[in-house]
Amino acid sequence: MAATDFKDYYSILGVSKSASADEIKKAFRKLALKYHPDRNPGDKQAETRFKEVSEAYEVLSDPEKRKKYDQFGQYWKQVGTQPGGGGGHGRTNVDFGGFDFGQYGSFEEFINDLLGGLGGGGARTRSYRTSTGSRSGFRTPRGGYSNFTEQPASVDREATIRLTFSEAFRGVQKRLNLGNEVIDVRIPAGAKPGSRIRVRGKGSLDPFTRQRGDLYLNVDLTPHKFFEFDGENLVCELPIAPDEAVLGASVDVPTPDGMVTMKIPAGIRSGQTMRLRGKGWVNPKGGRTDQLVRIAIATPKTPSSTERELYEKIRSSRTQSPRSHLQNVSL
């Protein structure tokens, strides 16, 4: 079968590659009933679809045919059992211009070798077995051999690990389920969004070297109710009362280590930022970043009668307008 004649039997039946035999049978019965010629007299398109559905079911309902189809794609019909062989073990073989296709587990492996693989790393040549002997390179249709290098497919894996601010700040040990194994991973102090942690030897298996790649964990943090990141620094919003803004004050501010006292200068405005040096995030290389404190003047929503009276006095005796500089603003 030519590559252009390849039919995706799973798509034709509308099932996934992992579909069970019962799911395949159920899908076939539904489509066969829909496109059967007796129900669509004179409809050539329905007749064609019925033949495709029947062909797909014939292959996918047969365990041996389905196995070959899954392994070798459009070349599955060319796959036979190679006669002979020691120990009574058969192996698949394809008559592909003298090339021993049976050395591959699937057609995708053959394509990856032919195109040089999918991943990075050092290039290397590889010897290929043919029916006429063993030579380095790929046997071309004209009978010659063209050498090429192979880039092994990437065997590294990636996953996202979600941490609380506390876990990321102090470091934590996490147990991860990788599907076929459970591992304990130590997350160092100072991880933050965008951090990438390398776990050596916990990636996929390299089929050539029989060694495992690495696992990379991308760190994500659960949002905190007070702290956020501003680049390398922490940032927070600190509410202060109007009188504290006017007169100045000493107020307590939460930091990752606990409360610290910060002096608010008189006349500070809402939105201004103050800096607590060395009170921010842990730097994995040593030291701490800064904590930025953004000021928010909080006006009372339900002032007491005394507060209201005092604010009235302030308003009546105020000598400056905060909007005086806007008098001459125009387009």
Protein backbone atom coordinates (compact mmCIF):
# COMPACT_ATOMS: atom_id res chain seq x y z
CA MET A 1 0.00 0.00 0.00
CA ALA A 2 1.41 3.38 -0.93
CA ALA A 3 1.69 6.01 1.76
CA THR A 4 -0.90 8.12 -0.01
CA ASP A 5 -3.37 5.20 0.12
CA PHE A 6 -3.18 4.90 3.88
CA LYS A 7 -6.53 4.81 5.64
CA ASP A 8 -6.96 5.68 9.29
CA TYR A 9 -9.28 2.88 10.35
CA TYR A 10 -9.71 4.33 13.83
CA SER A 11 -10.93 7.63 12.40
CA ILE A 12 -13.21 5.83 9.98
CA LEU A 13 -14.93 4.07 12.88
CA GLY A 14 -14.73 7.14 15.11
CA VAL A 15 -12.88 5.41 17.95
CA SER A 16 -9.57 6.00 19.71
CA LYS A 17 -6.48 3.82 19.29
CA SER A 18 -7.04 2.46 22.78
CA ALA A 19 -10.62 1.38 22.02
CA SER A 20 -11.62 -2.07 23.25
CA ALA A 21 -12.93 -4.82 20.99
CA ASP A 22 -16.46 -4.19 22.25
CA GLU A 23 -16.18 -0.44 21.51
CA ILE A 24 -14.96 -1.20 18.00
CA LYS A 25 -17.81 -3.64 17.40
CA LYS A 26 -20.39 -1.17 18.73
CA ALA A 27 -19.07 1.62 16.50
CA PHE A 28 -19.09 -0.65 13.45
CA ARG A 29 -22.66 -1.80 13.99
CA LYS A 30 -23.86 1.80 14.33
CA LEU A 31 -22.11 2.96 11.14
CA ALA A 32 -22.93 -0.17 9.16
CA LEU A 33 -26.61 0.30 9.94
CA LYS A 34 -26.39 3.98 8.95
CA TYR A 35 -24.65 3.43 5.58
CA HIS A 36 -26.01 0.00 4.59
CA PRO A 37 -26.97 -0.06 0.86
CA ASP A 38 -30.46 -1.37 1.68
CA ARG A 39 -31.11 1.81 3.65
CA ASN A 40 -29.47 4.06 1.06
CA PRO A 41 -30.50 2.74 -2.38
CA GLY A 42 -28.63 4.46 -5.21
CA ASP A 43 -26.45 6.52 -2.84
CA LYS A 44 -22.88 5.96 -4.07
CA GLN A 45 -21.37 8.00 -1.25
CA ALA A 46 -23.13 5.87 1.37
CA GLU A 47 -22.01 2.73 -0.46
CA THR A 48 -18.39 3.93 -0.36
CA ARG A 49 -18.61 4.72 3.34
CA PHE A 50 -20.11 1.29 4.03
CA LYS A 51 -17.16 -0.37 2.28
CA GLU A 52 -14.67 1.76 4.27
CA VAL A 53 -16.41 0.95 7.55
CA SER A 54 -16.44 -2.77 6.71
CA GLU A 55 -12.77 -2.71 5.73
CA ALA A 56 -11.84 -0.91 8.94
CA TYR A 57 -13.78 -3.38 11.07
CA GLU A 58 -12.25 -6.36 9.28
CA VAL A 59 -8.77 -5.18 10.29
CA LEU A 60 -9.41 -3.80 13.77
CA SER A 61 -11.57 -6.73 14.87
CA ASP A 62 -8.74 -9.17 14.11
CA PRO A 63 -6.14 -9.01 16.93
CA GLU A 64 -3.22 -10.00 14.68
CA LYS A 65 -4.13 -7.60 11.86
CA ARG A 66 -4.74 -4.79 14.36
CA LYS A 67 -1.35 -5.38 15.99
CA LYS A 68 0.45 -5.14 12.62
CA TYR A 69 -1.62 -2.09 11.64
CA ASP A 70 -0.75 -0.32 14.91
CA GLN A 71 2.96 -1.13 14.54
CA PHE A 72 3.58 -0.46 10.85
CA GLY A 73 0.84 1.90 9.66
CA GLN A 74 0.50 2.02 5.88
CA TYR A 75 2.99 -0.85 5.50
CA TRP A 76 1.11 -3.28 7.68
CA LYS A 77 0.01 -5.48 4.76
CA GLN A 78 3.65 -6.00 3.76
CA VAL A 79 4.55 -7.39 7.17
CA GLY A 80 4.95 -11.16 7.32
CA THR A 81 6.63 -13.65 9.57
CA GLN A 82 10.28 -14.17 8.76
CA PRO A 83 10.89 -17.89 8.28
CA GLY A 84 13.59 -19.65 10.26
CA GLY A 85 15.40 -18.12 13.20
CA GLY A 86 16.91 -19.74 16.23
CA GLY A 87 15.07 -20.96 19.26
CA GLY A 88 11.73 -21.06 17.45
CA HIS A 89 11.15 -17.33 17.93
CA GLY A 90 9.53 -15.63 14.95
CA ARG A 91 10.16 -11.97 14.09
CA THR A 92 8.45 -9.57 11.74
CA ASN A 93 10.10 -8.71 8.46
CA VAL A 94 9.17 -6.36 5.63
CA ASP A 95 10.21 -6.73 2.02
CA PHE A 96 11.27 -3.13 1.62
CA GLY A 97 13.85 -3.13 -1.13
CA GLY A 98 16.11 -5.53 0.79
CA PHE A 99 15.90 -3.47 4.00
CA ASP A 100 15.20 -5.37 7.22
CA PHE A 101 12.23 -3.44 8.57
CA GLY A 102 11.75 -6.02 11.31
CA GLN A 103 14.50 -4.46 13.44
CA TYR A 104 12.06 -1.69 14.39
CA GLY A 105 9.24 -1.86 16.90
CA SER A 106 7.05 0.41 14.74
CA PHE A 107 7.06 2.44 11.56
CA GLU A 108 7.55 5.62 13.65
CA GLU A 109 10.90 4.27 14.88
CA PHE A 110 11.95 3.70 11.28
CA ILE A 111 10.97 7.26 10.29
CA ASN A 112 12.78 8.71 13.31
CA ASP A 113 15.95 6.88 12.34
CA LEU A 114 15.63 7.92 8.70
CA LEU A 115 15.12 11.61 9.52
CA GLY A 116 17.76 11.76 12.20
CA GLY A 117 15.56 11.43 15.28
CA LEU A 118 13.60 14.09 17.12
CA GLY A 119 15.84 15.19 19.97
CA GLY A 120 19.14 16.89 20.74
CA GLY A 121 22.47 15.50 21.86
CA GLY A 122 25.54 14.23 20.12
CA ALA A 123 25.01 12.88 16.63
CA ARG A 124 26.07 9.31 15.91
CA THR A 125 25.95 6.90 13.00
CA ARG A 126 24.32 3.55 13.31
CA SER A 127 24.60 0.22 11.48
CA TYR A 128 21.48 -1.18 9.85
CA ARG A 129 20.77 -4.79 9.01
CA THR A 130 19.69 -5.65 5.46
CA SER A 131 18.80 -8.92 3.84
CA THR A 132 22.15 -8.82 2.03
CA GLY A 133 24.31 -8.12 5.06
CA SER A 134 25.09 -5.43 7.62
CA ARG A 135 26.26 -1.98 6.52
CA SER A 136 26.33 1.47 7.95
CA GLY A 137 23.68 3.75 6.54
CA PHE A 138 20.40 3.32 4.69
CA ARG A 139 19.97 1.24 1.55
CA THR A 140 18.48 3.45 -1.18
CA PRO A 141 16.01 2.20 -3.81
CA ARG A 142 18.82 2.24 -6.41
CA GLY A 143 20.85 -0.19 -4.39
CA GLY A 144 23.42 2.27 -3.02
CA TYR A 145 23.99 3.31 0.57
CA SER A 146 23.75 6.86 1.90
CA ASN A 147 25.18 7.45 5.37
CA PHE A 148 23.34 9.77 7.73
CA THR A 149 23.61 10.70 11.39
CA GLU A 150 20.94 10.16 13.98
CA GLN A 151 19.80 12.55 16.70
CA PRO A 152 18.34 10.48 19.55
CA ALA A 153 14.83 11.42 20.64
CA SER A 154 14.58 13.44 23.83
CA VAL A 155 14.18 11.27 26.90
CA ASP A 156 13.66 14.16 29.35
CA ARG A 157 10.22 14.72 30.86
CA GLU A 158 8.50 17.78 32.31
CA ALA A 159 5.81 18.18 34.94
CA THR A 160 4.31 21.01 37.01
CA ILE A 161 4.55 20.94 40.80
CA ARG A 162 2.27 23.22 42.83
CA LEU A 163 3.53 24.57 46.15
CA THR A 164 2.27 26.91 48.84
CA PHE A 165 4.27 30.09 49.54
CA SER A 166 5.42 28.56 52.83
CA GLU A 167 6.68 25.36 51.15
CA ALA A 168 8.50 27.30 48.45
CA PHE A 169 10.04 29.78 50.89
CA ARG A 170 11.36 27.23 53.37
CA GLY A 171 11.86 24.23 51.09
CA VAL A 172 9.95 20.98 51.30
CA GLN A 173 10.12 17.30 50.44
CA LYS A 174 7.36 16.11 48.10
CA ARG A 175 6.30 12.61 47.10
CA LEU A 176 5.52 12.34 43.38
CA ASN A 177 3.70 9.57 41.54
CA LEU A 178 5.30 9.11 38.12
CA GLY A 179 2.87 6.40 37.05
CA ASN A 180 5.21 3.43 37.28
CA GLU A 181 7.09 4.57 40.38
CA VAL A 182 6.81 6.88 43.40
CA ILE A 183 9.74 9.14 44.23
CA ASP A 184 10.61 11.65 46.97
CA VAL A 185 11.89 15.00 45.72
CA ARG A 186 13.53 17.69 47.84
CA ILE A 187 12.45 21.19 46.78
CA PRO A 188 15.12 23.68 47.86
CA ALA A 189 14.22 26.88 49.71
CA GLY A 190 13.61 29.84 47.42
CA ALA A 191 11.65 28.20 44.61
CA LYS A 192 9.30 30.62 42.91
CA PRO A 193 7.00 30.76 39.85
CA GLY A 194 9.12 29.95 36.81
CA SER A 195 11.70 27.95 38.78
CA ARG A 196 12.73 24.70 37.09
CA ILE A 197 13.99 21.85 39.25
CA ARG A 198 16.00 19.04 37.69
CA VAL A 199 15.62 15.50 39.02
CA ARG A 200 18.37 13.40 37.47
CA GLY A 201 17.64 9.94 36.11
CA LYS A 202 13.84 10.13 36.42
CA GLY A 203 12.97 10.79 32.78
CA SER A 204 12.11 8.33 30.01
CA LEU A 205 14.30 5.40 29.01
CA ASP A 206 16.68 5.92 26.06
CA PRO A 207 16.14 2.85 23.83
CA PHE A 208 19.73 3.03 22.55
CA THR A 209 21.79 3.69 25.69
CA ARG A 210 19.26 2.03 28.06
CA GLN A 211 19.77 5.01 30.36
CA ARG A 212 17.05 7.33 31.66
CA GLY A 213 16.79 11.03 30.98
CA ASP A 214 15.94 13.68 33.55
CA LEU A 215 12.67 14.95 35.00
CA TYR A 216 12.16 18.74 35.06
CA LEU A 217 9.66 20.17 37.54
CA ASN A 218 8.17 23.57 36.71
CA VAL A 219 7.18 25.35 39.92
CA ASP A 220 3.75 26.96 40.33
CA LEU A 221 2.59 28.63 43.56
CA THR A 222 -0.85 28.73 45.12
CA PRO A 223 -1.87 32.44 45.39
CA HIS A 224 -1.26 34.03 48.81
CA LYS A 225 -3.76 36.40 50.42
CA PHE A 226 -1.07 39.02 51.24
CA PHE A 227 2.16 38.41 49.34
CA GLU A 228 2.80 38.56 45.59
CA PHE A 229 5.92 38.55 43.42
CA ASP A 230 7.33 41.61 41.71
CA GLY A 231 10.27 40.18 39.80
CA GLU A 232 12.70 38.84 42.39
CA ASN A 233 11.09 40.81 45.25
CA LEU A 234 7.96 40.28 47.29
CA VAL A 235 5.26 42.93 47.20
CA CYS A 236 2.31 43.53 49.54
CA GLU A 237 -0.33 46.19 50.15
CA LEU A 238 -0.47 47.83 53.58
CA PRO A 239 -3.65 49.70 54.59
CA ILE A 240 -3.17 52.73 56.87
CA ALA A 241 -5.65 55.17 58.41
CA PRO A 242 -5.98 58.78 57.18
CA ASP A 243 -4.52 60.16 60.41
CA GLU A 244 -1.50 57.83 60.07
CA ALA A 245 -0.97 59.13 56.55
CA VAL A 246 -1.19 62.76 57.67
CA LEU A 247 0.74 62.56 60.94
CA GLY A 248 3.01 59.58 60.29
CA ALA A 249 3.12 56.41 62.39
CA SER A 250 4.98 53.25 63.29
CA VAL A 251 3.04 50.21 62.09
CA ASP A 252 3.56 46.44 62.11
CA VAL A 253 4.00 44.75 58.70
CA PRO A 254 3.86 40.98 58.04
CA THR A 255 6.99 39.49 56.42
CA PRO A 256 7.85 35.85 55.66
CA ASP A 257 9.72 35.80 59.00
CA GLY A 258 6.95 37.42 61.04
CA MET A 259 5.97 40.97 61.98
CA VAL A 260 8.40 43.88 61.73
CA THR A 261 7.83 47.54 62.64
CA MET A 262 8.01 50.08 59.82
CA LYS A 263 7.98 53.86 60.18
CA ILE A 264 5.41 55.62 57.99
CA PRO A 265 6.52 59.20 57.16
CA ALA A 266 4.02 62.04 57.62
CA GLY A 267 2.25 63.10 54.44
CA ILE A 268 2.61 59.77 52.61
CA ARG A 269 0.22 59.26 49.73
CA SER A 270 -1.82 56.25 48.75
CA GLY A 271 0.04 54.13 46.16
CA GLN A 272 3.52 55.06 47.35
CA THR A 273 5.87 52.13 47.93
CA MET A 274 8.28 51.63 50.80
CA ARG A 275 11.08 49.05 50.88
CA LEU A 276 12.02 46.56 53.59
CA ARG A 277 15.51 45.52 52.59
CA GLY A 278 16.44 41.87 53.00
CA LYS A 279 12.91 40.90 54.06
CA GLY A 280 11.78 39.45 50.75
CA TRP A 281 12.26 36.03 49.13
CA VAL A 282 15.05 33.56 49.73
CA ASN A 283 17.77 33.70 47.08
CA PRO A 284 18.94 30.10 46.37
CA LYS A 285 22.47 31.47 45.92
CA GLY A 286 22.35 33.16 49.32
CA GLY A 287 20.75 36.17 50.99
CA ARG A 288 17.27 37.63 50.65
CA THR A 289 15.57 39.96 48.21
CA ASP A 290 13.49 42.97 49.36
CA GLN A 291 9.87 43.29 50.39
CA LEU A 292 8.04 46.18 48.74
CA VAL A 293 5.20 47.66 50.80
CA ARG A 294 2.57 49.53 48.77
CA ILE A 295 0.59 52.03 50.87
CA ALA A 296 -3.21 52.14 50.65
CA ILE A 297 -5.02 54.82 52.70
CA ALA A 298 -8.16 53.19 54.09
CA THR A 299 -11.00 55.60 54.82
CA PRO A 300 -13.56 54.44 57.39
CA LYS A 301 -16.83 53.30 55.80
CA THR A 302 -18.87 53.73 59.00
CA PRO A 303 -17.18 56.43 61.14
CA SER A 304 -18.38 56.89 64.71
CA SER A 305 -20.19 60.10 65.70
CA THR A 306 -16.99 61.42 67.30
CA GLU A 307 -14.94 60.64 64.18
CA ARG A 308 -17.53 62.28 61.96
CA GLU A 309 -17.53 65.40 64.14
CA LEU A 310 -13.76 65.63 64.00
CA TYR A 311 -13.69 65.12 60.21
CA GLU A 312 -16.28 67.90 59.89
CA LYS A 313 -14.01 70.21 61.87
CA ILE A 314 -11.05 69.25 59.66
CA ARG A 315 -13.08 69.99 56.54
CA SER A 316 -14.25 73.36 57.78
CA SER A 317 -10.76 74.42 58.82
CA ARG A 318 -8.80 73.02 55.87
CA THR A 319 -6.62 75.66 54.22
CA GLN A 320 -5.50 73.72 51.15
CA SER A 321 -7.40 72.00 48.35
CA PRO A 322 -5.89 68.77 47.02
CA ARG A 323 -7.28 69.72 43.59
CA SER A 324 -5.98 73.29 43.28
CA HIS A 325 -3.51 72.24 40.58
CA LEU A 326 -6.40 71.09 38.36
CA GLN A 327 -7.96 74.55 37.88
CA ASN A 328 -6.17 75.28 34.64
CA VAL A 329 -6.32 71.80 33.11
CA SER A 330 -8.02 71.65 29.72
CA LEU A 331 -7.66 70.05 26.30
